[in-house]
Amino acid sequence: MFRTMMNGKIHRATVTEANLNYVGSITIDEDILDAVGMVANEKVQIVNNNNGARFETYIIPGMRGSGVICLNGAAARLVHTGDIVIIISYALVQEEKVKTHQPKIALLDENNRITQMISYEPEATIL
């Protein structure tokens, strides 16, 4: 049996752009992608802290060091520049490896710079 587990998380990213006139996807600074183990074309879930929207799309790598978090295409209708989002990737993990699986979680500041990397979320902690 396999379980679907959180594999990577970009916590509290600030949306830098929303580009409706694009085919679709989310553009993410490639340095951030490397830190959390996400890759181009990977399916991700986006959670908008400002309006509660939850949706899925796929990743396009953005320029390294740019801090870009840009929602493209139809997804651009679900965010505004300046919104705070959480970006989550998942993996299928074999049952016997579930207890040892450790996701990579990047905590970001208001400029989309990584302030801390963690592998678990403490109970009832505000990050």
Protein backbone atom coordinates (compact mmCIF):
# COMPACT_ATOMS: atom_id res chain seq x y z
CA MET A 1 0.00 0.00 0.00
CA PHE A 2 1.05 3.58 -0.65
CA ARG A 3 0.00 6.73 1.18
CA THR A 4 -0.08 10.24 -0.27
CA MET A 5 2.23 12.31 1.94
CA MET A 6 3.34 15.93 1.92
CA ASN A 7 6.76 15.93 0.28
CA GLY A 8 7.61 19.62 -0.02
CA LYS A 9 6.08 22.86 1.20
CA ILE A 10 6.74 26.52 0.53
CA HIS A 11 5.17 28.27 3.51
CA ARG A 12 3.83 31.84 3.33
CA ALA A 13 5.14 32.82 -0.10
CA THR A 14 4.13 36.28 -1.30
CA VAL A 15 2.59 36.38 -4.77
CA THR A 16 4.76 38.69 -6.91
CA GLU A 17 2.66 38.48 -10.10
CA ALA A 18 -0.63 37.20 -11.47
CA ASN A 19 -0.52 36.82 -15.27
CA LEU A 20 -3.91 35.93 -16.77
CA ASN A 21 -2.58 35.94 -20.36
CA TYR A 22 -0.48 32.82 -20.01
CA VAL A 23 -1.20 29.16 -20.74
CA GLY A 24 -1.22 28.18 -17.06
CA SER A 25 0.90 27.16 -14.08
CA ILE A 26 2.88 28.74 -11.25
CA THR A 27 6.34 30.18 -11.76
CA ILE A 28 8.59 29.68 -8.71
CA ASP A 29 12.18 30.88 -8.09
CA GLU A 30 14.38 27.87 -8.90
CA ASP A 31 16.42 28.32 -5.69
CA ILE A 32 13.24 27.80 -3.65
CA LEU A 33 12.32 24.75 -5.75
CA ASP A 34 15.72 23.17 -5.10
CA ALA A 35 15.41 23.75 -1.35
CA VAL A 36 12.09 21.88 -1.10
CA GLY A 37 12.80 19.23 -3.74
CA MET A 38 10.17 20.37 -6.24
CA VAL A 39 10.75 20.20 -10.00
CA ALA A 40 9.48 21.60 -13.30
CA ASN A 41 6.06 20.29 -14.36
CA GLU A 42 5.34 18.80 -10.94
CA LYS A 43 1.73 19.05 -9.77
CA VAL A 44 1.28 21.27 -6.71
CA GLN A 45 -1.58 22.44 -4.54
CA ILE A 46 -1.84 26.17 -3.83
CA VAL A 47 -3.61 27.49 -0.73
CA ASN A 48 -4.36 31.22 -0.67
CA ASN A 49 -4.31 32.52 2.92
CA ASN A 50 -6.02 35.76 1.87
CA ASN A 51 -9.20 34.34 0.34
CA GLY A 52 -9.22 30.63 1.20
CA ALA A 53 -8.93 29.45 -2.43
CA ARG A 54 -7.37 26.00 -2.88
CA PHE A 55 -6.38 24.82 -6.33
CA GLU A 56 -3.86 22.72 -8.26
CA THR A 57 -1.51 23.54 -11.09
CA TYR A 58 2.02 22.65 -12.23
CA ILE A 59 5.42 24.28 -11.77
CA ILE A 60 7.49 26.36 -14.17
CA PRO A 61 10.96 27.22 -12.80
CA GLY A 62 11.61 30.95 -12.41
CA MET A 63 14.86 32.90 -12.40
CA ARG A 64 17.17 31.92 -9.54
CA GLY A 65 17.33 34.44 -6.72
CA SER A 66 14.42 36.47 -8.09
CA GLY A 67 11.91 35.49 -5.41
CA VAL A 68 9.27 35.13 -8.15
CA ILE A 69 5.95 33.52 -7.25
CA CYS A 70 3.72 34.11 -10.27
CA LEU A 71 0.33 32.51 -10.89
CA ASN A 72 -0.37 32.15 -14.59
CA GLY A 73 -3.49 31.59 -16.69
CA ALA A 74 -6.79 30.76 -14.99
CA ALA A 75 -5.04 30.43 -11.61
CA ALA A 76 -4.28 34.17 -11.80
CA ARG A 77 -7.98 34.78 -11.11
CA LEU A 78 -7.63 33.16 -7.68
CA VAL A 79 -4.86 35.43 -6.34
CA HIS A 80 -3.76 39.03 -6.23
CA THR A 81 -0.22 40.38 -6.12
CA GLY A 82 0.74 40.52 -2.46
CA ASP A 83 -1.43 37.56 -1.38
CA ILE A 84 0.18 35.02 0.95
CA VAL A 85 0.11 31.43 -0.38
CA ILE A 86 1.24 27.99 0.67
CA ILE A 87 2.53 25.68 -2.08
CA ILE A 88 2.49 21.94 -1.37
CA SER A 89 3.78 18.93 -3.29
CA TYR A 90 2.87 15.35 -2.44
CA ALA A 91 4.48 11.95 -2.97
CA LEU A 92 3.27 8.37 -2.85
CA VAL A 93 5.20 6.72 -0.03
CA GLN A 94 5.33 2.99 0.66
CA GLU A 95 3.57 2.07 3.90
CA GLU A 96 6.78 0.82 5.52
CA LYS A 97 8.49 4.18 4.89
CA VAL A 98 5.66 6.46 6.06
CA LYS A 99 6.98 6.85 9.63
CA THR A 100 10.46 7.87 8.46
CA HIS A 101 9.37 10.11 5.57
CA GLN A 102 10.48 13.71 6.13
CA PRO A 103 9.16 16.49 3.93
CA LYS A 104 11.21 19.60 3.14
CA ILE A 105 9.47 22.76 4.34
CA ALA A 106 10.77 26.24 3.52
CA LEU A 107 9.59 29.13 5.67
CA LEU A 108 9.74 32.38 3.69
CA ASP A 109 9.89 36.05 4.62
CA GLU A 110 7.92 38.83 2.90
CA ASN A 111 10.52 38.96 0.08
CA ASN A 112 10.31 35.20 -0.61
CA ARG A 113 13.69 34.52 0.94
CA ILE A 114 14.06 31.29 2.91
CA THR A 115 14.40 32.07 6.62
CA GLN A 116 14.31 28.49 7.88
CA MET A 117 14.10 24.90 6.65
CA ILE A 118 12.19 22.35 8.74
CA SER A 119 11.08 18.75 8.19
CA TYR A 120 8.01 18.67 10.42
CA GLU A 121 5.36 21.05 11.70
CA PRO A 122 5.14 21.31 15.47
CA GLU A 123 1.63 20.94 16.90
CA ALA A 124 -0.30 24.19 17.42
CA THR A 125 2.64 26.33 16.35
CA ILE A 126 2.17 29.56 14.46
CA LEU A 127 4.94 29.98 11.92
